[in-house]
């Protein structure tokens, strides 16, 4: 499951940037990433995804855009914590 997260995270993060003004696509990307985070107990990152998902549902585009940097920073922290437990590629 961690490998899925590591592989899929980049694609999902790039989809946040591509969604632009589409709340539905942003919601879907946030929901998908949230599920992956919950499956590996990345609760803080999952909560951030949930907030972004809610903001997209409510049409608060400015909140979704401002959340991206926070989401990426948390994702990088998670990756740093996971790397010692992963087999070298």
PDB file of N, CA and C in Angstrom:
ATOM      1  N   UNK A   1       0.816  -1.185   0.000  1.00  0.00           N
ATOM      2  CA  UNK A   1       0.000   0.000   0.000  1.00  0.00           C
ATOM      3  C   UNK A   1       0.865   1.257   0.000  1.00  0.00           C
ATOM      4  N   UNK A   2       2.004   1.209   0.692  1.00  0.00           N
ATOM      5  CA  UNK A   2       2.874   2.379   0.675  1.00  0.00           C
ATOM      6  C   UNK A   2       3.395   2.644  -0.729  1.00  0.00           C
ATOM      7  N   UNK A   3       3.693   1.579  -1.460  1.00  0.00           N
ATOM      8  CA  UNK A   3       4.169   1.742  -2.834  1.00  0.00           C
ATOM      9  C   UNK A   3       3.090   2.405  -3.680  1.00  0.00           C
ATOM     10  N   UNK A   4       1.820   2.016  -3.474  1.00  0.00           N
ATOM     11  CA  UNK A   4       0.722   2.661  -4.197  1.00  0.00           C
ATOM     12  C   UNK A   4       0.698   4.148  -3.877  1.00  0.00           C
ATOM     13  N   UNK A   5       0.829   4.469  -2.602  1.00  0.00           N
ATOM     14  CA  UNK A   5       0.810   5.879  -2.208  1.00  0.00           C
ATOM     15  C   UNK A   5       1.947   6.634  -2.878  1.00  0.00           C
ATOM     16  N   UNK A   6       3.145   6.066  -2.808  1.00  0.00           N
ATOM     17  CA  UNK A   6       4.300   6.754  -3.372  1.00  0.00           C
ATOM     18  C   UNK A   6       4.171   6.932  -4.877  1.00  0.00           C
ATOM     19  N   UNK A   7       3.669   5.910  -5.549  1.00  0.00           N
ATOM     20  CA  UNK A   7       3.516   5.989  -6.997  1.00  0.00           C
ATOM     21  C   UNK A   7       2.380   6.888  -7.433  1.00  0.00           C
ATOM     22  N   UNK A   8       1.276   6.841  -6.712  1.00  0.00           N
ATOM     23  CA  UNK A   8       0.098   7.596  -7.118  1.00  0.00           C
ATOM     24  C   UNK A   8       0.061   9.026  -6.630  1.00  0.00           C
ATOM     25  N   UNK A   9       0.820   9.322  -5.621  1.00  0.00           N
ATOM     26  CA  UNK A   9       0.789  10.653  -5.028  1.00  0.00           C
ATOM     27  C   UNK A   9       1.164  11.737  -6.026  1.00  0.00           C
ATOM     28  N   UNK A  10       2.232  11.515  -6.773  1.00  0.00           N
ATOM     29  CA  UNK A  10       2.671  12.520  -7.742  1.00  0.00           C
ATOM     30  C   UNK A  10       1.617  12.800  -8.798  1.00  0.00           C
ATOM     31  N   UNK A  11       0.979  11.743  -9.267  1.00  0.00           N
ATOM     32  CA  UNK A  11      -0.072  11.918 -10.267  1.00  0.00           C
ATOM     33  C   UNK A  11      -1.245  12.697  -9.695  1.00  0.00           C
ATOM     34  N   UNK A  12      -1.618  12.374  -8.471  1.00  0.00           N
ATOM     35  CA  UNK A  12      -2.742  13.077  -7.856  1.00  0.00           C
ATOM     36  C   UNK A  12      -2.396  14.531  -7.553  1.00  0.00           C
ATOM     37  N   UNK A  13      -1.180  14.783  -7.082  1.00  0.00           N
ATOM     38  CA  UNK A  13      -0.798  16.163  -6.802  1.00  0.00           C
ATOM     39  C   UNK A  13      -0.798  16.978  -8.088  1.00  0.00           C
ATOM     40  N   UNK A  14      -0.297  16.398  -9.177  1.00  0.00           N
ATOM     41  CA  UNK A  14      -0.308  17.152 -10.433  1.00  0.00           C
ATOM     42  C   UNK A  14      -1.735  17.385 -10.902  1.00  0.00           C
ATOM     43  N   UNK A  15      -2.634  16.467 -10.572  1.00  0.00           N
ATOM     44  CA  UNK A  15      -4.025  16.668 -10.983  1.00  0.00           C
ATOM     45  C   UNK A  15      -4.657  17.836 -10.228  1.00  0.00           C
ATOM     46  N   UNK A  16      -4.207  18.115  -9.002  1.00  0.00           N
ATOM     47  CA  UNK A  16      -4.709  19.288  -8.284  1.00  0.00           C
ATOM     48  C   UNK A  16      -4.379  20.557  -9.067  1.00  0.00           C
ATOM     49  N   UNK A  17      -3.169  20.600  -9.603  1.00  0.00           N
ATOM     50  CA  UNK A  17      -2.764  21.795 -10.345  1.00  0.00           C
ATOM     51  C   UNK A  17      -3.483  21.891 -11.684  1.00  0.00           C
ATOM     52  N   UNK A  18      -3.788  20.762 -12.291  1.00  0.00           N
ATOM     53  CA  UNK A  18      -4.467  20.765 -13.590  1.00  0.00           C
ATOM     54  C   UNK A  18      -5.961  21.041 -13.466  1.00  0.00           C
ATOM     55  N   UNK A  19      -6.547  20.805 -12.305  1.00  0.00           N
ATOM     56  CA  UNK A  19      -7.998  20.947 -12.190  1.00  0.00           C
ATOM     57  C   UNK A  19      -8.449  22.384 -12.356  1.00  0.00           C
ATOM     58  N   UNK A  20      -7.557  23.330 -12.072  1.00  0.00           N
ATOM     59  CA  UNK A  20      -7.904  24.738 -12.264  1.00  0.00           C
ATOM     60  C   UNK A  20      -9.186  25.112 -11.556  1.00  0.00           C
ATOM     61  N   UNK A  21     -10.184  25.461 -12.319  1.00  0.00           N
ATOM     62  CA  UNK A  21     -11.427  25.937 -11.717  1.00  0.00           C
ATOM     63  C   UNK A  21     -12.483  24.851 -11.612  1.00  0.00           C
ATOM     64  N   UNK A  22     -12.106  23.604 -11.775  1.00  0.00           N
ATOM     65  CA  UNK A  22     -13.089  22.527 -11.726  1.00  0.00           C
ATOM     66  C   UNK A  22     -13.203  21.953 -10.315  1.00  0.00           C
ATOM     67  N   UNK A  23     -14.212  22.360  -9.564  1.00  0.00           N
ATOM     68  CA  UNK A  23     -14.372  21.836  -8.208  1.00  0.00           C
ATOM     69  C   UNK A  23     -14.594  20.329  -8.189  1.00  0.00           C
ATOM     70  N   UNK A  24     -15.289  19.797  -9.189  1.00  0.00           N
ATOM     71  CA  UNK A  24     -15.549  18.354  -9.215  1.00  0.00           C
ATOM     72  C   UNK A  24     -14.260  17.559  -9.347  1.00  0.00           C
ATOM     73  N   UNK A  25     -13.354  18.008 -10.224  1.00  0.00           N
ATOM     74  CA  UNK A  25     -12.092  17.294 -10.400  1.00  0.00           C
ATOM     75  C   UNK A  25     -11.199  17.442  -9.181  1.00  0.00           C
ATOM     76  N   UNK A  26     -11.189  18.617  -8.588  1.00  0.00           N
ATOM     77  CA  UNK A  26     -10.406  18.828  -7.370  1.00  0.00           C
ATOM     78  C   UNK A  26     -10.941  17.943  -6.253  1.00  0.00           C
ATOM     79  N   UNK A  27     -12.259  17.871  -6.127  1.00  0.00           N
ATOM     80  CA  UNK A  27     -12.886  17.028  -5.117  1.00  0.00           C
ATOM     81  C   UNK A  27     -12.490  15.574  -5.318  1.00  0.00           C
ATOM     82  N   UNK A  28     -12.536  15.112  -6.557  1.00  0.00           N
ATOM     83  CA  UNK A  28     -12.201  13.715  -6.848  1.00  0.00           C
ATOM     84  C   UNK A  28     -10.737  13.418  -6.516  1.00  0.00           C
ATOM     85  N   UNK A  29      -9.832  14.324  -6.892  1.00  0.00           N
ATOM     86  CA  UNK A  29      -8.418  14.124  -6.592  1.00  0.00           C
ATOM     87  C   UNK A  29      -8.182  14.114  -5.080  1.00  0.00           C
ATOM     88  N   UNK A  30      -8.812  15.045  -4.353  1.00  0.00           N
ATOM     89  CA  UNK A  30      -8.657  15.098  -2.896  1.00  0.00           C
ATOM     90  C   UNK A  30      -9.219  13.838  -2.248  1.00  0.00           C
ATOM     91  N   UNK A  31     -10.360  13.386  -2.732  1.00  0.00           N
ATOM     92  CA  UNK A  31     -10.993  12.186  -2.186  1.00  0.00           C
ATOM     93  C   UNK A  31     -10.113  10.953  -2.417  1.00  0.00           C
ATOM     94  N   UNK A  32      -9.547  10.836  -3.609  1.00  0.00           N
ATOM     95  CA  UNK A  32      -8.693   9.690  -3.933  1.00  0.00           C
ATOM     96  C   UNK A  32      -7.436   9.690  -3.080  1.00  0.00           C
ATOM     97  N   UNK A  33      -6.778  10.847  -2.973  1.00  0.00           N
ATOM     98  CA  UNK A  33      -5.572  10.929  -2.158  1.00  0.00           C
ATOM     99  C   UNK A  33      -5.900  10.673  -0.689  1.00  0.00           C
ATOM    100  N   UNK A  34      -7.035  11.169  -0.224  1.00  0.00           N
ATOM    101  CA  UNK A  34      -7.461  10.939   1.165  1.00  0.00           C
ATOM    102  C   UNK A  34      -7.581   9.442   1.443  1.00  0.00           C
ATOM    103  N   UNK A  35      -8.178   8.705   0.526  1.00  0.00           N
ATOM    104  CA  UNK A  35      -8.318   7.259   0.702  1.00  0.00           C
ATOM    105  C   UNK A  35      -6.978   6.560   0.802  1.00  0.00           C
ATOM    106  N   UNK A  36      -6.046   6.950  -0.053  1.00  0.00           N
ATOM    107  CA  UNK A  36      -4.705   6.368   0.006  1.00  0.00           C
ATOM    108  C   UNK A  36      -4.014   6.691   1.316  1.00  0.00           C
ATOM    109  N   UNK A  37      -4.180   7.908   1.785  1.00  0.00           N
ATOM    110  CA  UNK A  37      -3.576   8.317   3.057  1.00  0.00           C
ATOM    111  C   UNK A  37      -4.160   7.530   4.225  1.00  0.00           C
ATOM    112  N   UNK A  38      -5.475   7.362   4.217  1.00  0.00           N
ATOM    113  CA  UNK A  38      -6.109   6.601   5.301  1.00  0.00           C
ATOM    114  C   UNK A  38      -5.657   5.148   5.301  1.00  0.00           C
ATOM    115  N   UNK A  39      -5.392   4.601   4.122  1.00  0.00           N
ATOM    116  CA  UNK A  39      -4.993   3.192   4.053  1.00  0.00           C
ATOM    117  C   UNK A  39      -3.605   2.954   4.641  1.00  0.00           C
ATOM    118  N   UNK A  40      -2.792   4.012   4.755  1.00  0.00           N
ATOM    119  CA  UNK A  40      -1.475   3.855   5.376  1.00  0.00           C
ATOM    120  C   UNK A  40      -1.384   4.649   6.688  1.00  0.00           C
ATOM    121  N   UNK A  41      -2.523   5.037   7.227  1.00  0.00           N
ATOM    122  CA  UNK A  41      -2.625   5.743   8.512  1.00  0.00           C
ATOM    123  C   UNK A  41      -1.914   7.093   8.510  1.00  0.00           C
ATOM    124  N   UNK A  42      -1.908   7.764   7.365  1.00  0.00           N
ATOM    125  CA  UNK A  42      -1.367   9.121   7.277  1.00  0.00           C
ATOM    126  C   UNK A  42      -2.507  10.085   7.603  1.00  0.00           C
ATOM    127  N   UNK A  43      -2.846  10.135   8.881  1.00  0.00           N
ATOM    128  CA  UNK A  43      -4.059  10.824   9.313  1.00  0.00           C
ATOM    129  C   UNK A  43      -4.022  12.335   9.125  1.00  0.00           C
ATOM    130  N   UNK A  44      -2.872  12.947   9.371  1.00  0.00           N
ATOM    131  CA  UNK A  44      -2.791  14.401   9.197  1.00  0.00           C
ATOM    132  C   UNK A  44      -2.991  14.774   7.732  1.00  0.00           C
ATOM    133  N   UNK A  45      -2.339  14.049   6.839  1.00  0.00           N
ATOM    134  CA  UNK A  45      -2.483  14.316   5.413  1.00  0.00           C
ATOM    135  C   UNK A  45      -3.905  14.022   4.945  1.00  0.00           C
ATOM    136  N   UNK A  46      -4.504  12.960   5.471  1.00  0.00           N
ATOM    137  CA  UNK A  46      -5.896  12.635   5.122  1.00  0.00           C
ATOM    138  C   UNK A  46      -6.837  13.750   5.569  1.00  0.00           C
ATOM    139  N   UNK A  47      -6.586  14.326   6.744  1.00  0.00           N
ATOM    140  CA  UNK A  47      -7.428  15.428   7.230  1.00  0.00           C
ATOM    141  C   UNK A  47      -7.291  16.650   6.331  1.00  0.00           C
ATOM    142  N   UNK A  48      -6.078  16.906   5.856  1.00  0.00           N
ATOM    143  CA  UNK A  48      -5.882  18.024   4.931  1.00  0.00           C
ATOM    144  C   UNK A  48      -6.634  17.774   3.623  1.00  0.00           C
ATOM    145  N   UNK A  49      -6.592  16.548   3.150  1.00  0.00           N
ATOM    146  CA  UNK A  49      -7.337  16.196   1.935  1.00  0.00           C
ATOM    147  C   UNK A  49      -8.836  16.380   2.154  1.00  0.00           C
ATOM    148  N   UNK A  50      -9.311  15.989   3.322  1.00  0.00           N
ATOM    149  CA  UNK A  50     -10.733  16.140   3.635  1.00  0.00           C
ATOM    150  C   UNK A  50     -11.136  17.618   3.627  1.00  0.00           C
ATOM    151  N   UNK A  51     -10.276  18.473   4.187  1.00  0.00           N
ATOM    152  CA  UNK A  51     -10.568  19.911   4.170  1.00  0.00           C
ATOM    153  C   UNK A  51     -10.596  20.447   2.737  1.00  0.00           C
ATOM    154  N   UNK A  52      -9.674  19.972   1.913  1.00  0.00           N
ATOM    155  CA  UNK A  52      -9.652  20.412   0.520  1.00  0.00           C
ATOM    156  C   UNK A  52     -10.883  19.909  -0.222  1.00  0.00           C
ATOM    157  N   UNK A  53     -11.272  18.682   0.056  1.00  0.00           N
ATOM    158  CA  UNK A  53     -12.467  18.088  -0.549  1.00  0.00           C
ATOM    159  C   UNK A  53     -13.712  18.917  -0.188  1.00  0.00           C
ATOM    160  N   UNK A  54     -13.818  19.292   1.076  1.00  0.00           N
ATOM    161  CA  UNK A  54     -14.950  20.097   1.538  1.00  0.00           C
ATOM    162  C   UNK A  54     -14.940  21.475   0.878  1.00  0.00           C
ATOM    163  N   UNK A  55     -13.766  22.085   0.805  1.00  0.00           N
ATOM    164  CA  UNK A  55     -13.667  23.403   0.170  1.00  0.00           C
ATOM    165  C   UNK A  55     -14.091  23.330  -1.293  1.00  0.00           C
ATOM    166  N   UNK A  56     -13.699  22.271  -1.984  1.00  0.00           N
ATOM    167  CA  UNK A  56     -14.097  22.107  -3.388  1.00  0.00           C
ATOM    168  C   UNK A  56     -15.605  21.917  -3.486  1.00  0.00           C
ATOM    169  N   UNK A  57     -16.169  21.099  -2.593  1.00  0.00           N
ATOM    170  CA  UNK A  57     -17.626  20.884  -2.577  1.00  0.00           C
ATOM    171  C   UNK A  57     -18.386  22.192  -2.388  1.00  0.00           C
ATOM    172  N   UNK A  58     -17.828  23.056  -1.551  1.00  0.00           N
ATOM    173  CA  UNK A  58     -18.498  24.316  -1.223  1.00  0.00           C
ATOM    174  C   UNK A  58     -18.126  25.454  -2.175  1.00  0.00           C
ATOM    175  N   UNK A  59     -17.320  25.134  -3.193  1.00  0.00           N
ATOM    176  CA  UNK A  59     -16.947  26.142  -4.184  1.00  0.00           C
ATOM    177  C   UNK A  59     -15.957  27.180  -3.696  1.00  0.00           C
ATOM    178  N   UNK A  60     -15.200  26.849  -2.659  1.00  0.00           N
ATOM    179  CA  UNK A  60     -14.212  27.788  -2.109  1.00  0.00           C
ATOM    180  C   UNK A  60     -12.863  27.561  -2.783  1.00  0.00           C
ATOM    181  N   UNK A  61     -12.763  27.986  -4.034  1.00  0.00           N
ATOM    182  CA  UNK A  61     -11.567  27.743  -4.838  1.00  0.00           C
ATOM    183  C   UNK A  61     -10.310  28.318  -4.185  1.00  0.00           C
ATOM    184  N   UNK A  62     -10.402  29.513  -3.627  1.00  0.00           N
ATOM    185  CA  UNK A  62      -9.239  30.133  -2.988  1.00  0.00           C
ATOM    186  C   UNK A  62      -8.697  29.248  -1.869  1.00  0.00           C
ATOM    187  N   UNK A  63      -9.578  28.601  -1.124  1.00  0.00           N
ATOM    188  CA  UNK A  63      -9.140  27.710  -0.048  1.00  0.00           C
ATOM    189  C   UNK A  63      -8.459  26.465  -0.598  1.00  0.00           C
ATOM    190  N   UNK A  64      -8.953  25.940  -1.723  1.00  0.00           N
ATOM    191  CA  UNK A  64      -8.309  24.751  -2.291  1.00  0.00           C
ATOM    192  C   UNK A  64      -6.928  25.102  -2.810  1.00  0.00           C
ATOM    193  N   UNK A  65      -6.795  26.259  -3.442  1.00  0.00           N
ATOM    194  CA  UNK A  65      -5.497  26.675  -3.979  1.00  0.00           C
ATOM    195  C   UNK A  65      -4.510  26.933  -2.847  1.00  0.00           C
ATOM    196  N   UNK A  66      -4.943  27.611  -1.797  1.00  0.00           N
ATOM    197  CA  UNK A  66      -4.036  27.912  -0.685  1.00  0.00           C
ATOM    198  C   UNK A  66      -3.646  26.658   0.093  1.00  0.00           C
ATOM    199  N   UNK A  67      -4.439  25.608  -0.003  1.00  0.00           N
ATOM    200  CA  UNK A  67      -4.141  24.363   0.705  1.00  0.00           C
ATOM    201  C   UNK A  67      -3.085  23.516   0.009  1.00  0.00           C
ATOM    202  N   UNK A  68      -2.810  23.792  -1.263  1.00  0.00           N
ATOM    203  CA  UNK A  68      -1.884  22.946  -2.012  1.00  0.00           C
ATOM    204  C   UNK A  68      -0.484  22.924  -1.408  1.00  0.00           C
ATOM    205  N   UNK A  69       0.046  24.075  -1.031  1.00  0.00           N
ATOM    206  CA  UNK A  69       1.392  24.118  -0.462  1.00  0.00           C
ATOM    207  C   UNK A  69       1.457  23.322   0.833  1.00  0.00           C
ATOM    208  N   UNK A  70       0.447  23.465   1.665  1.00  0.00           N
ATOM    209  CA  UNK A  70       0.380  22.717   2.928  1.00  0.00           C
ATOM    210  C   UNK A  70       0.298  21.213   2.657  1.00  0.00           C
ATOM    211  N   UNK A  71      -0.496  20.844   1.677  1.00  0.00           N
ATOM    212  CA  UNK A  71      -0.662  19.439   1.320  1.00  0.00           C
ATOM    213  C   UNK A  71       0.654  18.857   0.808  1.00  0.00           C
ATOM    214  N   UNK A  72       1.346  19.601  -0.031  1.00  0.00           N
ATOM    215  CA  UNK A  72       2.621  19.123  -0.559  1.00  0.00           C
ATOM    216  C   UNK A  72       3.673  19.011   0.534  1.00  0.00           C
ATOM    217  N   UNK A  73       3.734  19.976   1.425  1.00  0.00           N
ATOM    218  CA  UNK A  73       4.708  19.927   2.515  1.00  0.00           C
ATOM    219  C   UNK A  73       4.458  18.713   3.406  1.00  0.00           C
ATOM    220  N   UNK A  74       3.213  18.448   3.723  1.00  0.00           N
ATOM    221  CA  UNK A  74       2.881  17.277   4.542  1.00  0.00           C
ATOM    222  C   UNK A  74       3.212  15.989   3.804  1.00  0.00           C
ATOM    223  N   UNK A  75       2.968  15.974   2.504  1.00  0.00           N
ATOM    224  CA  UNK A  75       3.307  14.800   1.701  1.00  0.00           C
ATOM    225  C   UNK A  75       4.801  14.531   1.703  1.00  0.00           C
ATOM    226  N   UNK A  76       5.599  15.590   1.616  1.00  0.00           N
ATOM    227  CA  UNK A  76       7.055  15.424   1.652  1.00  0.00           C
ATOM    228  C   UNK A  76       7.513  14.912   3.015  1.00  0.00           C
ATOM    229  N   UNK A  77       6.905  15.405   4.084  1.00  0.00           N
ATOM    230  CA  UNK A  77       7.238  14.906   5.427  1.00  0.00           C
ATOM    231  C   UNK A  77       6.916  13.421   5.544  1.00  0.00           C
ATOM    232  N   UNK A  78       5.770  13.034   5.003  1.00  0.00           N
ATOM    233  CA  UNK A  78       5.378  11.628   5.043  1.00  0.00           C
ATOM    234  C   UNK A  78       6.360  10.776   4.254  1.00  0.00           C
ATOM    235  N   UNK A  79       6.744  11.233   3.077  1.00  0.00           N
ATOM    236  CA  UNK A  79       7.708  10.484   2.268  1.00  0.00           C
ATOM    237  C   UNK A  79       9.026  10.312   3.004  1.00  0.00           C
ATOM    238  N   UNK A  80       9.489  11.359   3.654  1.00  0.00           N
ATOM    239  CA  UNK A  80      10.736  11.274   4.408  1.00  0.00           C
ATOM    240  C   UNK A  80      10.627  10.240   5.528  1.00  0.00           C
ATOM    241  N   UNK A  81       9.466  10.168   6.162  1.00  0.00           N
ATOM    242  CA  UNK A  81       9.262   9.186   7.237  1.00  0.00           C
ATOM    243  C   UNK A  81       9.167   7.760   6.698  1.00  0.00           C
ATOM    244  N   UNK A  82       8.642   7.594   5.488  1.00  0.00           N
ATOM    245  CA  UNK A  82       8.457   6.257   4.920  1.00  0.00           C
ATOM    246  C   UNK A  82       9.716   5.686   4.274  1.00  0.00           C
ATOM    247  N   UNK A  83      10.564   6.531   3.737  1.00  0.00           N
ATOM    248  CA  UNK A  83      11.712   6.057   2.954  1.00  0.00           C
ATOM    249  C   UNK A  83      12.572   5.014   3.664  1.00  0.00           C
ATOM    250  N   UNK A  84      12.879   5.145   4.944  1.00  0.00           N
ATOM    251  CA  UNK A  84      13.723   4.134   5.594  1.00  0.00           C
ATOM    252  C   UNK A  84      13.105   2.723   5.600  1.00  0.00           C
ATOM    253  N   UNK A  85      11.815   2.635   5.417  1.00  0.00           N
ATOM    254  CA  UNK A  85      11.134   1.349   5.480  1.00  0.00           C
ATOM    255  C   UNK A  85      10.895   0.728   4.113  1.00  0.00           C
ATOM    256  N   UNK A  86      11.305   1.402   3.077  1.00  0.00           N
ATOM    257  CA  UNK A  86      11.072   0.909   1.724  1.00  0.00           C
ATOM    258  C   UNK A  86      12.333   0.288   1.160  1.00  0.00           C
ATOM    259  N   UNK A  87      12.148  -0.763   0.377  1.00  0.00           N
ATOM    260  CA  UNK A  87      13.278  -1.397  -0.293  1.00  0.00           C
ATOM    261  C   UNK A  87      13.810  -0.441  -1.355  1.00  0.00           C
ATOM    262  N   UNK A  88      15.129  -0.430  -1.561  1.00  0.00           N
ATOM    263  CA  UNK A  88      15.672   0.436  -2.613  1.00  0.00           C
ATOM    264  C   UNK A  88      15.106   0.050  -3.977  1.00  0.00           C
ATOM    265  N   UNK A  89      14.903   1.053  -4.800  1.00  0.00           N
ATOM    266  CA  UNK A  89      14.335   0.806  -6.140  1.00  0.00           C
ATOM    267  C   UNK A  89      15.362   0.243  -7.085  1.00  0.00           C
TER     268      UNK A  89
END
